[in-house]
Amino acid sequence: MGIPAGFEPPFIVNGPYIWDKNNAMAGDHPWVVATGGRNRGKIRPRGWGRVQYLPDGDAEMTRWKQWFLKHTEGCATLEQAAEALNQAAHNTSEGN
């Protein structure tokens, strides 16, 4: 099925955000955003600003959130989360 909501690897970290190859915000770390750098709290999926315009946007966002959370569970940093998303994307493209 591929990666939900049209996100494309590679996923990279820039500041308190995870971005995809097309500069679409894919995730963030809300505590890092609020504190200017301290890394506490849970990494969360983002993207509604773009996904809402896709056909069946609500369902796509739900699929994205589920995929994102499944693959970033246990990640303590945005860098770990981006790497986990890239690995999951690689596995998805190979049919795993």
PDB file of N, CA and C in Angstrom:
ATOM      1  N   MET A   1       0.818  -1.204   0.000  1.00  0.00           N
ATOM      2  CA  MET A   1       0.000   0.000   0.000  1.00  0.00           C
ATOM      3  C   MET A   1       0.857   1.261   0.000  1.00  0.00           C
ATOM      4  N   GLY A   2       2.041   1.208   0.550  1.00  0.00           N
ATOM      5  CA  GLY A   2       2.916   2.364   0.577  1.00  0.00           C
ATOM      6  C   GLY A   2       2.719   3.217   1.817  1.00  0.00           C
ATOM      7  N   ILE A   3       3.415   4.321   1.820  1.00  0.00           N
ATOM      8  CA  ILE A   3       3.351   5.246   2.945  1.00  0.00           C
ATOM      9  C   ILE A   3       2.072   6.065   2.816  1.00  0.00           C
ATOM     10  N   PRO A   4       1.296   6.179   3.885  1.00  0.00           N
ATOM     11  CA  PRO A   4       0.038   6.921   3.807  1.00  0.00           C
ATOM     12  C   PRO A   4       0.224   8.417   3.546  1.00  0.00           C
ATOM     13  N   ALA A   5      -0.818   9.023   3.041  1.00  0.00           N
ATOM     14  CA  ALA A   5      -0.972  10.473   2.904  1.00  0.00           C
ATOM     15  C   ALA A   5       0.049  11.132   1.985  1.00  0.00           C
ATOM     16  N   GLY A   6       0.687  10.347   1.128  1.00  0.00           N
ATOM     17  CA  GLY A   6       1.594  10.920   0.142  1.00  0.00           C
ATOM     18  C   GLY A   6       2.939  11.390   0.671  1.00  0.00           C
ATOM     19  N   PHE A   7       3.283  11.051   1.904  1.00  0.00           N
ATOM     20  CA  PHE A   7       4.611  11.408   2.413  1.00  0.00           C
ATOM     21  C   PHE A   7       5.665  10.575   1.687  1.00  0.00           C
ATOM     22  N   GLU A   8       6.849  11.167   1.492  1.00  0.00           N
ATOM     23  CA  GLU A   8       7.912  10.483   0.755  1.00  0.00           C
ATOM     24  C   GLU A   8       9.235  10.592   1.500  1.00  0.00           C
ATOM     25  N   PRO A   9       9.957   9.460   1.596  1.00  0.00           N
ATOM     26  CA  PRO A   9      11.278   9.512   2.200  1.00  0.00           C
ATOM     27  C   PRO A   9      12.264  10.183   1.236  1.00  0.00           C
ATOM     28  N   PRO A  10      13.385  10.640   1.720  1.00  0.00           N
ATOM     29  CA  PRO A  10      13.852  10.456   3.088  1.00  0.00           C
ATOM     30  C   PRO A  10      13.231  11.474   4.040  1.00  0.00           C
ATOM     31  N   PHE A  11      13.064  11.041   5.277  1.00  0.00           N
ATOM     32  CA  PHE A  11      12.598  11.907   6.340  1.00  0.00           C
ATOM     33  C   PHE A  11      13.828  12.495   7.025  1.00  0.00           C
ATOM     34  N   ILE A  12      13.812  13.799   7.241  1.00  0.00           N
ATOM     35  CA  ILE A  12      14.955  14.473   7.866  1.00  0.00           C
ATOM     36  C   ILE A  12      14.470  15.348   9.019  1.00  0.00           C
ATOM     37  N   VAL A  13      15.383  15.657   9.916  1.00  0.00           N
ATOM     38  CA  VAL A  13      15.089  16.530  11.048  1.00  0.00           C
ATOM     39  C   VAL A  13      15.666  17.905  10.761  1.00  0.00           C
ATOM     40  N   ASN A  14      14.850  18.912  10.988  1.00  0.00           N
ATOM     41  CA  ASN A  14      15.304  20.295  10.910  1.00  0.00           C
ATOM     42  C   ASN A  14      14.611  21.033  12.042  1.00  0.00           C
ATOM     43  N   GLY A  15      15.386  21.423  13.043  1.00  0.00           N
ATOM     44  CA  GLY A  15      14.802  22.048  14.230  1.00  0.00           C
ATOM     45  C   GLY A  15      13.961  21.033  14.975  1.00  0.00           C
ATOM     46  N   PRO A  16      12.813  21.428  15.468  1.00  0.00           N
ATOM     47  CA  PRO A  16      11.971  20.504  16.223  1.00  0.00           C
ATOM     48  C   PRO A  16      10.979  19.731  15.344  1.00  0.00           C
ATOM     49  N   TYR A  17      11.270  19.617  14.047  1.00  0.00           N
ATOM     50  CA  TYR A  17      10.338  18.999  13.106  1.00  0.00           C
ATOM     51  C   TYR A  17      10.992  17.890  12.293  1.00  0.00           C
ATOM     52  N   ILE A  18      10.166  16.947  11.843  1.00  0.00           N
ATOM     53  CA  ILE A  18      10.553  15.949  10.857  1.00  0.00           C
ATOM     54  C   ILE A  18       9.867  16.343   9.556  1.00  0.00           C
ATOM     55  N   TRP A  19      10.643  16.390   8.478  1.00  0.00           N
ATOM     56  CA  TRP A  19      10.141  16.765   7.159  1.00  0.00           C
ATOM     57  C   TRP A  19      10.360  15.614   6.188  1.00  0.00           C
ATOM     58  N   ASP A  20       9.519  15.539   5.160  1.00  0.00           N
ATOM     59  CA  ASP A  20       9.756  14.530   4.127  1.00  0.00           C
ATOM     60  C   ASP A  20      10.550  15.170   2.983  1.00  0.00           C
ATOM     61  N   LYS A  21      10.778  14.405   1.919  1.00  0.00           N
ATOM     62  CA  LYS A  21      11.636  14.893   0.822  1.00  0.00           C
ATOM     63  C   LYS A  21      11.050  16.102   0.100  1.00  0.00           C
ATOM     64  N   ASN A  22       9.742  16.293   0.209  1.00  0.00           N
ATOM     65  CA  ASN A  22       9.090  17.422  -0.452  1.00  0.00           C
ATOM     66  C   ASN A  22       8.844  18.595   0.498  1.00  0.00           C
ATOM     67  N   ASN A  23       9.541  18.578   1.637  1.00  0.00           N
ATOM     68  CA  ASN A  23       9.394  19.627   2.658  1.00  0.00           C
ATOM     69  C   ASN A  23       8.004  19.695   3.255  1.00  0.00           C
ATOM     70  N   ALA A  24       7.336  18.559   3.326  1.00  0.00           N
ATOM     71  CA  ALA A  24       6.057  18.475   4.020  1.00  0.00           C
ATOM     72  C   ALA A  24       6.337  18.069   5.468  1.00  0.00           C
ATOM     73  N   MET A  25       5.776  18.814   6.423  1.00  0.00           N
ATOM     74  CA  MET A  25       5.986  18.486   7.823  1.00  0.00           C
ATOM     75  C   MET A  25       5.323  17.146   8.123  1.00  0.00           C
ATOM     76  N   ALA A  26       6.122  16.226   8.639  1.00  0.00           N
ATOM     77  CA  ALA A  26       5.640  14.874   8.913  1.00  0.00           C
ATOM     78  C   ALA A  26       5.465  14.604  10.396  1.00  0.00           C
ATOM     79  N   GLY A  27       6.207  15.316  11.235  1.00  0.00           N
ATOM     80  CA  GLY A  27       6.111  15.099  12.669  1.00  0.00           C
ATOM     81  C   GLY A  27       6.834  16.184  13.429  1.00  0.00           C
ATOM     82  N   ASP A  28       6.598  16.198  14.736  1.00  0.00           N
ATOM     83  CA  ASP A  28       7.325  17.139  15.581  1.00  0.00           C
ATOM     84  C   ASP A  28       7.419  16.592  16.989  1.00  0.00           C
ATOM     85  N   HIS A  29       8.100  17.332  17.783  1.00  0.00           N
ATOM     86  CA  HIS A  29       8.264  17.008  19.191  1.00  0.00           C
ATOM     87  C   HIS A  29       7.749  18.225  19.940  1.00  0.00           C
ATOM     88  N   PRO A  30       6.501  18.195  20.415  1.00  0.00           N
ATOM     89  CA  PRO A  30       5.876  19.410  20.947  1.00  0.00           C
ATOM     90  C   PRO A  30       6.639  20.032  22.108  1.00  0.00           C
ATOM     91  N   TRP A  31       7.273  19.235  22.915  1.00  0.00           N
ATOM     92  CA  TRP A  31       7.998  19.798  24.047  1.00  0.00           C
ATOM     93  C   TRP A  31       9.224  20.559  23.557  1.00  0.00           C
ATOM     94  N   VAL A  32       9.870  20.063  22.526  1.00  0.00           N
ATOM     95  CA  VAL A  32      11.025  20.770  21.967  1.00  0.00           C
ATOM     96  C   VAL A  32      10.563  22.098  21.377  1.00  0.00           C
ATOM     97  N   VAL A  33       9.413  22.104  20.710  1.00  0.00           N
ATOM     98  CA  VAL A  33       8.876  23.336  20.149  1.00  0.00           C
ATOM     99  C   VAL A  33       8.625  24.344  21.269  1.00  0.00           C
ATOM    100  N   ALA A  34       7.977  23.894  22.350  1.00  0.00           N
ATOM    101  CA  ALA A  34       7.587  24.790  23.433  1.00  0.00           C
ATOM    102  C   ALA A  34       8.766  25.260  24.279  1.00  0.00           C
ATOM    103  N   THR A  35       9.795  24.455  24.401  1.00  0.00           N
ATOM    104  CA  THR A  35      10.904  24.793  25.300  1.00  0.00           C
ATOM    105  C   THR A  35      12.145  25.271  24.573  1.00  0.00           C
ATOM    106  N   GLY A  36      12.112  25.271  23.262  1.00  0.00           N
ATOM    107  CA  GLY A  36      13.262  25.744  22.511  1.00  0.00           C
ATOM    108  C   GLY A  36      14.442  24.787  22.530  1.00  0.00           C
ATOM    109  N   GLY A  37      14.208  23.512  22.731  1.00  0.00           N
ATOM    110  CA  GLY A  37      15.300  22.565  22.594  1.00  0.00           C
ATOM    111  C   GLY A  37      15.332  21.419  23.572  1.00  0.00           C
ATOM    112  N   ARG A  38      14.704  21.537  24.717  1.00  0.00           N
ATOM    113  CA  ARG A  38      14.729  20.415  25.656  1.00  0.00           C
ATOM    114  C   ARG A  38      13.873  19.281  25.110  1.00  0.00           C
ATOM    115  N   ASN A  39      14.379  18.080  25.151  1.00  0.00           N
ATOM    116  CA  ASN A  39      13.775  16.931  24.496  1.00  0.00           C
ATOM    117  C   ASN A  39      12.997  16.074  25.507  1.00  0.00           C
ATOM    118  N   ARG A  40      11.748  16.427  25.738  1.00  0.00           N
ATOM    119  CA  ARG A  40      10.895  15.655  26.634  1.00  0.00           C
ATOM    120  C   ARG A  40       9.522  15.520  25.978  1.00  0.00           C
ATOM    121  N   GLY A  41       8.756  14.539  26.384  1.00  0.00           N
ATOM    122  CA  GLY A  41       7.430  14.354  25.815  1.00  0.00           C
ATOM    123  C   GLY A  41       7.451  13.361  24.675  1.00  0.00           C
ATOM    124  N   LYS A  42       6.373  13.302  23.945  1.00  0.00           N
ATOM    125  CA  LYS A  42       6.199  12.293  22.904  1.00  0.00           C
ATOM    126  C   LYS A  42       6.239  12.913  21.511  1.00  0.00           C
ATOM    127  N   ILE A  43       6.946  12.256  20.620  1.00  0.00           N
ATOM    128  CA  ILE A  43       7.004  12.662  19.220  1.00  0.00           C
ATOM    129  C   ILE A  43       5.636  12.388  18.605  1.00  0.00           C
ATOM    130  N   ARG A  44       5.143  13.334  17.807  1.00  0.00           N
ATOM    131  CA  ARG A  44       3.790  13.172  17.264  1.00  0.00           C
ATOM    132  C   ARG A  44       3.764  13.386  15.755  1.00  0.00           C
ATOM    133  N   PRO A  45       2.824  12.716  15.088  1.00  0.00           N
ATOM    134  CA  PRO A  45       2.662  12.915  13.644  1.00  0.00           C
ATOM    135  C   PRO A  45       2.027  14.262  13.363  1.00  0.00           C
ATOM    136  N   ARG A  46       2.387  14.841  12.239  1.00  0.00           N
ATOM    137  CA  ARG A  46       1.810  16.108  11.794  1.00  0.00           C
ATOM    138  C   ARG A  46       1.461  15.983  10.316  1.00  0.00           C
ATOM    139  N   GLY A  47       0.911  17.031   9.762  1.00  0.00           N
ATOM    140  CA  GLY A  47       0.672  17.047   8.333  1.00  0.00           C
ATOM    141  C   GLY A  47      -0.730  17.423   7.904  1.00  0.00           C
ATOM    142  N   TRP A  48      -1.623  17.699   8.851  1.00  0.00           N
ATOM    143  CA  TRP A  48      -3.009  17.972   8.489  1.00  0.00           C
ATOM    144  C   TRP A  48      -3.129  19.172   7.553  1.00  0.00           C
ATOM    145  N   GLY A  49      -2.256  20.152   7.687  1.00  0.00           N
ATOM    146  CA  GLY A  49      -2.325  21.329   6.818  1.00  0.00           C
ATOM    147  C   GLY A  49      -2.284  20.976   5.341  1.00  0.00           C
ATOM    148  N   ARG A  50      -1.560  19.924   4.998  1.00  0.00           N
ATOM    149  CA  ARG A  50      -1.474  19.469   3.608  1.00  0.00           C
ATOM    150  C   ARG A  50      -2.455  18.344   3.330  1.00  0.00           C
ATOM    151  N   VAL A  51      -2.565  17.399   4.252  1.00  0.00           N
ATOM    152  CA  VAL A  51      -3.371  16.198   4.040  1.00  0.00           C
ATOM    153  C   VAL A  51      -4.855  16.524   3.907  1.00  0.00           C
ATOM    154  N   GLN A  52      -5.323  17.567   4.559  1.00  0.00           N
ATOM    155  CA  GLN A  52      -6.750  17.903   4.511  1.00  0.00           C
ATOM    156  C   GLN A  52      -7.247  18.160   3.094  1.00  0.00           C
ATOM    157  N   TYR A  53      -6.345  18.490   2.192  1.00  0.00           N
ATOM    158  CA  TYR A  53      -6.741  18.771   0.814  1.00  0.00           C
ATOM    159  C   TYR A  53      -6.706  17.541  -0.088  1.00  0.00           C
ATOM    160  N   LEU A  54      -6.230  16.427   0.426  1.00  0.00           N
ATOM    161  CA  LEU A  54      -6.215  15.189  -0.358  1.00  0.00           C
ATOM    162  C   LEU A  54      -7.619  14.597  -0.424  1.00  0.00           C
ATOM    163  N   PRO A  55      -7.923  13.837  -1.478  1.00  0.00           N
ATOM    164  CA  PRO A  55      -9.188  13.108  -1.487  1.00  0.00           C
ATOM    165  C   PRO A  55      -9.218  12.194  -0.258  1.00  0.00           C
ATOM    166  N   ASP A  56     -10.314  12.190   0.471  1.00  0.00           N
ATOM    167  CA  ASP A  56     -10.467  11.370   1.670  1.00  0.00           C
ATOM    168  C   ASP A  56      -9.403  11.724   2.718  1.00  0.00           C
ATOM    169  N   GLY A  57      -9.180  13.022   2.902  1.00  0.00           N
ATOM    170  CA  GLY A  57      -8.145  13.521   3.792  1.00  0.00           C
ATOM    171  C   GLY A  57      -8.231  13.005   5.218  1.00  0.00           C
ATOM    172  N   ASP A  58      -9.450  12.916   5.764  1.00  0.00           N
ATOM    173  CA  ASP A  58      -9.587  12.420   7.141  1.00  0.00           C
ATOM    174  C   ASP A  58      -9.055  11.003   7.265  1.00  0.00           C
ATOM    175  N   ALA A  59      -9.417  10.148   6.334  1.00  0.00           N
ATOM    176  CA  ALA A  59      -8.958   8.755   6.375  1.00  0.00           C
ATOM    177  C   ALA A  59      -7.455   8.675   6.143  1.00  0.00           C
ATOM    178  N   GLU A  60      -6.935   9.506   5.244  1.00  0.00           N
ATOM    179  CA  GLU A  60      -5.485   9.518   4.994  1.00  0.00           C
ATOM    180  C   GLU A  60      -4.722   9.957   6.240  1.00  0.00           C
ATOM    181  N   MET A  61      -5.238  10.961   6.941  1.00  0.00           N
ATOM    182  CA  MET A  61      -4.563  11.418   8.153  1.00  0.00           C
ATOM    183  C   MET A  61      -4.599  10.330   9.224  1.00  0.00           C
ATOM    184  N   THR A  62      -5.700   9.627   9.342  1.00  0.00           N
ATOM    185  CA  THR A  62      -5.792   8.525  10.300  1.00  0.00           C
ATOM    186  C   THR A  62      -4.770   7.451   9.962  1.00  0.00           C
ATOM    187  N   ARG A  63      -4.664   7.086   8.687  1.00  0.00           N
ATOM    188  CA  ARG A  63      -3.672   6.086   8.273  1.00  0.00           C
ATOM    189  C   ARG A  63      -2.252   6.572   8.550  1.00  0.00           C
ATOM    190  N   TRP A  64      -1.987   7.870   8.262  1.00  0.00           N
ATOM    191  CA  TRP A  64      -0.662   8.427   8.511  1.00  0.00           C
ATOM    192  C   TRP A  64      -0.313   8.362  10.000  1.00  0.00           C
ATOM    193  N   LYS A  65      -1.247   8.794  10.844  1.00  0.00           N
ATOM    194  CA  LYS A  65      -0.997   8.767  12.291  1.00  0.00           C
ATOM    195  C   LYS A  65      -0.695   7.354  12.764  1.00  0.00           C
ATOM    196  N   GLN A  66      -1.467   6.388  12.312  1.00  0.00           N
ATOM    197  CA  GLN A  66      -1.246   4.996  12.725  1.00  0.00           C
ATOM    198  C   GLN A  66       0.119   4.499  12.251  1.00  0.00           C
ATOM    199  N   TRP A  67       0.465   4.770  11.005  1.00  0.00           N
ATOM    200  CA  TRP A  67       1.743   4.325  10.443  1.00  0.00           C
ATOM    201  C   TRP A  67       2.902   4.982  11.182  1.00  0.00           C
ATOM    202  N   PHE A  68       2.800   6.297  11.368  1.00  0.00           N
ATOM    203  CA  PHE A  68       3.841   7.066  12.044  1.00  0.00           C
ATOM    204  C   PHE A  68       4.060   6.542  13.466  1.00  0.00           C
ATOM    205  N   LEU A  69       2.991   6.415  14.244  1.00  0.00           N
ATOM    206  CA  LEU A  69       3.111   5.981  15.636  1.00  0.00           C
ATOM    207  C   LEU A  69       3.621   4.552  15.743  1.00  0.00           C
ATOM    208  N   LYS A  70       3.192   3.696  14.844  1.00  0.00           N
ATOM    209  CA  LYS A  70       3.674   2.311  14.844  1.00  0.00           C
ATOM    210  C   LYS A  70       5.193   2.267  14.685  1.00  0.00           C
ATOM    211  N   HIS A  71       5.717   3.070  13.803  1.00  0.00           N
ATOM    212  CA  HIS A  71       7.138   2.991  13.471  1.00  0.00           C
ATOM    213  C   HIS A  71       8.037   3.871  14.338  1.00  0.00           C
ATOM    214  N   THR A  72       7.467   4.796  15.091  1.00  0.00           N
ATOM    215  CA  THR A  72       8.292   5.651  15.954  1.00  0.00           C
ATOM    216  C   THR A  72       8.142   5.302  17.431  1.00  0.00           C
ATOM    217  N   GLU A  73       7.366   4.285  17.750  1.00  0.00           N
ATOM    218  CA  GLU A  73       7.187   3.870  19.141  1.00  0.00           C
ATOM    219  C   GLU A  73       8.545   3.620  19.788  1.00  0.00           C
ATOM    220  N   GLY A  74       8.767   4.213  20.923  1.00  0.00           N
ATOM    221  CA  GLY A  74      10.017   4.007  21.660  1.00  0.00           C
ATOM    222  C   GLY A  74      11.156   4.923  21.248  1.00  0.00           C
ATOM    223  N   CYS A  75      10.975   5.729  20.221  1.00  0.00           N
ATOM    224  CA  CYS A  75      12.036   6.656  19.811  1.00  0.00           C
ATOM    225  C   CYS A  75      12.101   7.819  20.800  1.00  0.00           C
ATOM    226  N   ALA A  76      13.294   8.105  21.271  1.00  0.00           N
ATOM    227  CA  ALA A  76      13.477   9.159  22.262  1.00  0.00           C
ATOM    228  C   ALA A  76      13.815  10.507  21.633  1.00  0.00           C
ATOM    229  N   THR A  77      14.283  10.484  20.398  1.00  0.00           N
ATOM    230  CA  THR A  77      14.670  11.736  19.741  1.00  0.00           C
ATOM    231  C   THR A  77      14.053  11.812  18.350  1.00  0.00           C
ATOM    232  N   LEU A  78      14.001  13.007  17.821  1.00  0.00           N
ATOM    233  CA  LEU A  78      13.515  13.182  16.454  1.00  0.00           C
ATOM    234  C   LEU A  78      14.410  12.463  15.458  1.00  0.00           C
ATOM    235  N   GLU A  79      15.700  12.464  15.716  1.00  0.00           N
ATOM    236  CA  GLU A  79      16.634  11.778  14.816  1.00  0.00           C
ATOM    237  C   GLU A  79      16.342  10.280  14.770  1.00  0.00           C
ATOM    238  N   GLN A  80      16.078   9.690  15.933  1.00  0.00           N
ATOM    239  CA  GLN A  80      15.721   8.270  15.971  1.00  0.00           C
ATOM    240  C   GLN A  80      14.409   8.026  15.234  1.00  0.00           C
ATOM    241  N   ALA A  81      13.450   8.927  15.416  1.00  0.00           N
ATOM    242  CA  ALA A  81      12.158   8.777  14.750  1.00  0.00           C
ATOM    243  C   ALA A  81      12.306   8.885  13.234  1.00  0.00           C
ATOM    244  N   ALA A  82      13.087   9.852  12.760  1.00  0.00           N
ATOM    245  CA  ALA A  82      13.288  10.003  11.319  1.00  0.00           C
ATOM    246  C   ALA A  82      13.952   8.758  10.744  1.00  0.00           C
ATOM    247  N   GLU A  83      14.938   8.218  11.447  1.00  0.00           N
ATOM    248  CA  GLU A  83      15.606   7.000  10.982  1.00  0.00           C
ATOM    249  C   GLU A  83      14.628   5.832  10.957  1.00  0.00           C
ATOM    250  N   ALA A  84      13.787   5.723  11.980  1.00  0.00           N
ATOM    251  CA  ALA A  84      12.792   4.641  12.020  1.00  0.00           C
ATOM    252  C   ALA A  84      11.801   4.774  10.861  1.00  0.00           C
ATOM    253  N   LEU A  85      11.385   6.000  10.551  1.00  0.00           N
ATOM    254  CA  LEU A  85      10.479   6.217   9.422  1.00  0.00           C
ATOM    255  C   LEU A  85      11.156   5.866   8.104  1.00  0.00           C
ATOM    256  N   ASN A  86      12.416   6.229   7.958  1.00  0.00           N
ATOM    257  CA  ASN A  86      13.146   5.890   6.731  1.00  0.00           C
ATOM    258  C   ASN A  86      13.289   4.383   6.576  1.00  0.00           C
ATOM    259  N   GLN A  87      13.565   3.686   7.667  1.00  0.00           N
ATOM    260  CA  GLN A  87      13.677   2.220   7.613  1.00  0.00           C
ATOM    261  C   GLN A  87      12.328   1.602   7.261  1.00  0.00           C
ATOM    262  N   ALA A  88      11.262   2.099   7.886  1.00  0.00           N
ATOM    263  CA  ALA A  88       9.916   1.582   7.594  1.00  0.00           C
ATOM    264  C   ALA A  88       9.542   1.848   6.138  1.00  0.00           C
ATOM    265  N   ALA A  89       9.900   3.023   5.635  1.00  0.00           N
ATOM    266  CA  ALA A  89       9.615   3.352   4.233  1.00  0.00           C
ATOM    267  C   ALA A  89      10.364   2.413   3.306  1.00  0.00           C
ATOM    268  N   HIS A  90      11.612   2.122   3.641  1.00  0.00           N
ATOM    269  CA  HIS A  90      12.411   1.184   2.849  1.00  0.00           C
ATOM    270  C   HIS A  90      11.752  -0.199   2.849  1.00  0.00           C
ATOM    271  N   ASN A  91      11.337  -0.651   4.023  1.00  0.00           N
ATOM    272  CA  ASN A  91      10.679  -1.960   4.131  1.00  0.00           C
ATOM    273  C   ASN A  91       9.363  -1.983   3.381  1.00  0.00           C
ATOM    274  N   THR A  92       8.609  -0.864   3.437  1.00  0.00           N
ATOM    275  CA  THR A  92       7.330  -0.772   2.729  1.00  0.00           C
ATOM    276  C   THR A  92       7.553  -0.865   1.228  1.00  0.00           C
ATOM    277  N   SER A  93       8.599  -0.191   0.742  1.00  0.00           N
ATOM    278  CA  SER A  93       8.861  -0.208  -0.704  1.00  0.00           C
ATOM    279  C   SER A  93       9.292  -1.578  -1.185  1.00  0.00           C
ATOM    280  N   GLU A  94       9.823  -2.405  -0.270  1.00  0.00           N
ATOM    281  CA  GLU A  94      10.222  -3.767  -0.635  1.00  0.00           C
ATOM    282  C   GLU A  94       9.101  -4.767  -0.411  1.00  0.00           C
ATOM    283  N   GLY A  95       7.945  -4.274   0.043  1.00  0.00           N
ATOM    284  CA  GLY A  95       6.811  -5.159   0.258  1.00  0.00           C
ATOM    285  C   GLY A  95       6.809  -5.844   1.607  1.00  0.00           C
ATOM    286  N   ASN A  96       7.661  -5.409   2.521  1.00  0.00           N
ATOM    287  CA  ASN A  96       7.700  -6.008   3.863  1.00  0.00           C
ATOM    288  C   ASN A  96       6.693  -5.349   4.778  1.00  0.00           C
TER     289      ASN A  96
END
